[in-house]
N, C-alpha and C. Protein backbone atom coordinates (compact mmCIF):
# COMPACT_ATOMS: atom_id res chain seq x y z
N MET A 1 4.51 -1.11 35.14
CA MET A 1 5.06 -1.07 33.80
C MET A 1 6.31 -1.96 33.71
N ILE A 2 7.15 -1.91 34.73
CA ILE A 2 8.35 -2.74 34.74
C ILE A 2 7.96 -4.22 34.75
N GLU A 3 6.93 -4.55 35.50
CA GLU A 3 6.50 -5.96 35.55
C GLU A 3 5.99 -6.42 34.18
N GLU A 4 5.28 -5.54 33.49
CA GLU A 4 4.82 -5.88 32.14
C GLU A 4 6.01 -6.10 31.21
N LEU A 5 7.01 -5.22 31.32
CA LEU A 5 8.21 -5.35 30.51
C LEU A 5 8.94 -6.64 30.81
N LYS A 6 9.02 -7.00 32.07
CA LYS A 6 9.64 -8.27 32.45
C LYS A 6 8.89 -9.44 31.84
N SER A 7 7.58 -9.33 31.84
CA SER A 7 6.76 -10.40 31.27
C SER A 7 6.96 -10.50 29.76
N ILE A 8 6.96 -9.37 29.10
CA ILE A 8 7.13 -9.34 27.64
C ILE A 8 8.49 -9.87 27.23
N THR A 9 9.52 -9.47 27.98
CA THR A 9 10.89 -9.88 27.63
C THR A 9 11.27 -11.22 28.24
N GLU A 10 10.34 -11.77 29.02
CA GLU A 10 10.57 -13.05 29.70
C GLU A 10 11.84 -13.02 30.53
N SER A 11 11.98 -11.93 31.28
CA SER A 11 13.16 -11.75 32.13
C SER A 11 12.71 -11.34 33.53
N ASN A 12 13.35 -11.90 34.55
CA ASN A 12 13.02 -11.53 35.93
C ASN A 12 13.88 -10.38 36.43
N VAL A 13 14.97 -10.08 35.71
CA VAL A 13 15.89 -9.03 36.13
C VAL A 13 15.50 -7.72 35.43
N THR A 14 15.33 -6.67 36.21
CA THR A 14 14.85 -5.39 35.68
C THR A 14 15.78 -4.82 34.61
N THR A 15 17.07 -4.79 34.89
CA THR A 15 18.00 -4.20 33.90
C THR A 15 18.03 -5.01 32.62
N LYS A 16 17.99 -6.32 32.74
CA LYS A 16 17.97 -7.18 31.55
C LYS A 16 16.68 -6.93 30.75
N ALA A 17 15.57 -6.79 31.45
CA ALA A 17 14.28 -6.52 30.79
C ALA A 17 14.32 -5.17 30.09
N LEU A 18 14.94 -4.17 30.75
CA LEU A 18 15.03 -2.84 30.13
C LEU A 18 15.89 -2.88 28.86
N ILE A 19 16.99 -3.60 28.92
CA ILE A 19 17.86 -3.70 27.75
C ILE A 19 17.16 -4.43 26.62
N LYS A 20 16.53 -5.57 26.94
CA LYS A 20 15.80 -6.32 25.92
C LYS A 20 14.65 -5.48 25.35
N GLY A 21 13.98 -4.76 26.24
CA GLY A 21 12.88 -3.90 25.80
C GLY A 21 13.36 -2.81 24.86
N GLY A 22 14.53 -2.27 25.14
CA GLY A 22 15.10 -1.25 24.25
C GLY A 22 15.39 -1.82 22.87
N TYR A 23 15.99 -3.00 22.84
CA TYR A 23 16.26 -3.64 21.55
C TYR A 23 14.96 -3.96 20.80
N MET A 24 13.97 -4.41 21.56
CA MET A 24 12.68 -4.70 20.93
C MET A 24 12.06 -3.44 20.34
N ALA A 25 12.18 -2.33 21.07
CA ALA A 25 11.61 -1.07 20.59
C ALA A 25 12.31 -0.62 19.32
N VAL A 26 13.63 -0.75 19.28
CA VAL A 26 14.37 -0.37 18.06
C VAL A 26 13.95 -1.25 16.90
N GLU A 27 13.84 -2.54 17.13
CA GLU A 27 13.45 -3.48 16.07
C GLU A 27 12.03 -3.17 15.58
N LEU A 28 11.13 -2.90 16.51
CA LEU A 28 9.76 -2.56 16.11
C LEU A 28 9.72 -1.25 15.33
N GLY A 29 10.56 -0.31 15.71
CA GLY A 29 10.65 0.95 14.96
C GLY A 29 11.10 0.72 13.53
N LYS A 30 12.09 -0.17 13.36
CA LYS A 30 12.55 -0.50 12.01
C LYS A 30 11.45 -1.18 11.20
N GLN A 31 10.75 -2.09 11.84
CA GLN A 31 9.65 -2.78 11.17
C GLN A 31 8.56 -1.80 10.76
N LEU A 32 8.27 -0.84 11.63
CA LEU A 32 7.26 0.17 11.33
C LEU A 32 7.66 0.99 10.11
N GLU A 33 8.92 1.41 10.06
CA GLU A 33 9.40 2.19 8.92
C GLU A 33 9.31 1.37 7.63
N GLN A 34 9.67 0.09 7.70
CA GLN A 34 9.60 -0.77 6.52
C GLN A 34 8.15 -0.93 6.05
N GLU A 35 7.24 -1.10 7.00
CA GLU A 35 5.82 -1.23 6.65
C GLU A 35 5.29 0.06 6.03
N LYS A 36 5.75 1.21 6.54
CA LYS A 36 5.33 2.49 5.95
C LYS A 36 5.81 2.59 4.51
N GLU A 37 7.07 2.20 4.27
CA GLU A 37 7.60 2.24 2.91
C GLU A 37 6.82 1.29 1.99
N ASN A 38 6.53 0.09 2.49
CA ASN A 38 5.76 -0.87 1.70
C ASN A 38 4.37 -0.34 1.37
N ARG A 39 3.74 0.32 2.36
CA ARG A 39 2.40 0.88 2.13
C ARG A 39 2.45 1.98 1.08
N ILE A 40 3.46 2.84 1.17
CA ILE A 40 3.60 3.94 0.20
C ILE A 40 3.80 3.37 -1.20
N LYS A 41 4.64 2.34 -1.33
CA LYS A 41 4.86 1.72 -2.64
C LYS A 41 3.59 1.07 -3.16
N ALA A 42 2.84 0.41 -2.29
CA ALA A 42 1.59 -0.23 -2.70
C ALA A 42 0.56 0.81 -3.12
N GLU A 43 0.48 1.92 -2.39
CA GLU A 43 -0.45 2.97 -2.75
C GLU A 43 -0.08 3.58 -4.10
N GLN A 44 1.22 3.74 -4.37
CA GLN A 44 1.66 4.29 -5.66
C GLN A 44 1.33 3.32 -6.79
N ALA A 45 1.57 2.02 -6.54
CA ALA A 45 1.25 1.02 -7.56
C ALA A 45 -0.25 1.01 -7.84
N LEU A 46 -1.06 1.11 -6.80
CA LEU A 46 -2.51 1.16 -6.97
C LEU A 46 -2.92 2.39 -7.78
N SER A 47 -2.33 3.52 -7.46
CA SER A 47 -2.64 4.75 -8.19
C SER A 47 -2.26 4.62 -9.66
N ASP A 48 -1.10 4.03 -9.93
CA ASP A 48 -0.67 3.81 -11.31
C ASP A 48 -1.66 2.92 -12.06
N LEU A 49 -2.10 1.85 -11.42
CA LEU A 49 -3.06 0.94 -12.04
C LEU A 49 -4.41 1.63 -12.28
N GLN A 50 -4.83 2.44 -11.32
CA GLN A 50 -6.09 3.16 -11.49
C GLN A 50 -6.01 4.11 -12.68
N GLN A 51 -4.87 4.78 -12.85
CA GLN A 51 -4.70 5.69 -13.99
C GLN A 51 -4.71 4.91 -15.30
N LYS A 52 -4.06 3.75 -15.33
CA LYS A 52 -4.05 2.93 -16.54
C LYS A 52 -5.46 2.46 -16.90
N ILE A 53 -6.20 2.04 -15.89
CA ILE A 53 -7.58 1.59 -16.13
C ILE A 53 -8.43 2.75 -16.65
N HIS A 54 -8.28 3.90 -16.03
CA HIS A 54 -9.04 5.08 -16.48
C HIS A 54 -8.69 5.42 -17.93
N HIS A 55 -7.41 5.40 -18.25
CA HIS A 55 -6.97 5.69 -19.61
C HIS A 55 -7.53 4.65 -20.59
N TYR A 56 -7.48 3.39 -20.21
CA TYR A 56 -8.02 2.33 -21.06
C TYR A 56 -9.52 2.54 -21.30
N LEU A 57 -10.26 2.78 -20.23
CA LEU A 57 -11.71 2.95 -20.38
C LEU A 57 -12.06 4.18 -21.22
N THR A 58 -11.31 5.26 -21.03
CA THR A 58 -11.53 6.47 -21.82
C THR A 58 -11.24 6.19 -23.30
N SER A 59 -10.14 5.51 -23.57
CA SER A 59 -9.77 5.19 -24.95
C SER A 59 -10.79 4.24 -25.57
N HIS A 60 -11.22 3.27 -24.79
CA HIS A 60 -12.21 2.30 -25.29
C HIS A 60 -13.51 3.01 -25.65
N GLN A 61 -13.95 3.91 -24.78
CA GLN A 61 -15.18 4.65 -25.05
C GLN A 61 -15.04 5.51 -26.29
N ALA A 62 -13.87 6.13 -26.48
CA ALA A 62 -13.64 6.95 -27.67
C ALA A 62 -13.72 6.08 -28.92
N LEU A 63 -13.15 4.89 -28.87
CA LEU A 63 -13.22 3.98 -30.02
C LEU A 63 -14.65 3.54 -30.29
N VAL A 64 -15.40 3.26 -29.24
CA VAL A 64 -16.81 2.87 -29.40
C VAL A 64 -17.58 4.02 -30.04
N ASP A 65 -17.32 5.23 -29.58
CA ASP A 65 -18.00 6.40 -30.13
C ASP A 65 -17.65 6.59 -31.61
N ILE A 66 -16.38 6.44 -31.94
CA ILE A 66 -15.94 6.59 -33.34
C ILE A 66 -16.57 5.51 -34.21
N ALA A 67 -16.56 4.28 -33.72
CA ALA A 67 -17.15 3.17 -34.49
C ALA A 67 -18.64 3.39 -34.68
N GLY A 68 -19.31 3.89 -33.64
CA GLY A 68 -20.74 4.15 -33.74
C GLY A 68 -21.05 5.25 -34.74
N SER A 69 -20.27 6.32 -34.71
CA SER A 69 -20.53 7.42 -35.65
C SER A 69 -20.15 7.01 -37.06
N HIS A 70 -19.12 6.17 -37.20
CA HIS A 70 -18.74 5.69 -38.54
C HIS A 70 -19.83 4.77 -39.09
N ALA A 71 -20.40 3.93 -38.25
CA ALA A 71 -21.46 3.02 -38.70
C ALA A 71 -22.69 3.82 -39.12
N LYS A 72 -23.03 4.87 -38.38
CA LYS A 72 -24.18 5.68 -38.73
C LYS A 72 -23.96 6.39 -40.05
N SER A 73 -22.74 6.92 -40.26
CA SER A 73 -22.48 7.67 -41.48
C SER A 73 -22.48 6.76 -42.71
N THR A 74 -22.09 5.51 -42.57
CA THR A 74 -22.10 4.59 -43.73
C THR A 74 -23.52 4.12 -44.02
N LEU A 75 -24.40 4.11 -43.00
CA LEU A 75 -25.78 3.71 -43.22
C LEU A 75 -26.57 4.83 -43.93
N THR A 76 -26.23 6.04 -43.68
CA THR A 76 -26.98 7.15 -44.26
C THR A 76 -26.52 7.48 -45.67
N LYS A 77 -25.41 6.90 -46.10
CA LYS A 77 -24.92 7.19 -47.46
C LYS A 77 -25.56 6.34 -48.50
């Protein structure tokens, strides 16, 4: 494991590799948290858009139904 860490951090000294590895882990943790926040925001935006589309389609269908019933009632008069 230490050898892998040395390879990843491009360091031949164990303590230097451990320190660099620690900093890398902290940075990756921050990146992970930022990605989680971005995903949550994207999921919320998607949900909002899906609700708007559903509302639009429901309203559109109601208008089509009203127009159809109005057209039928004017033809029968």
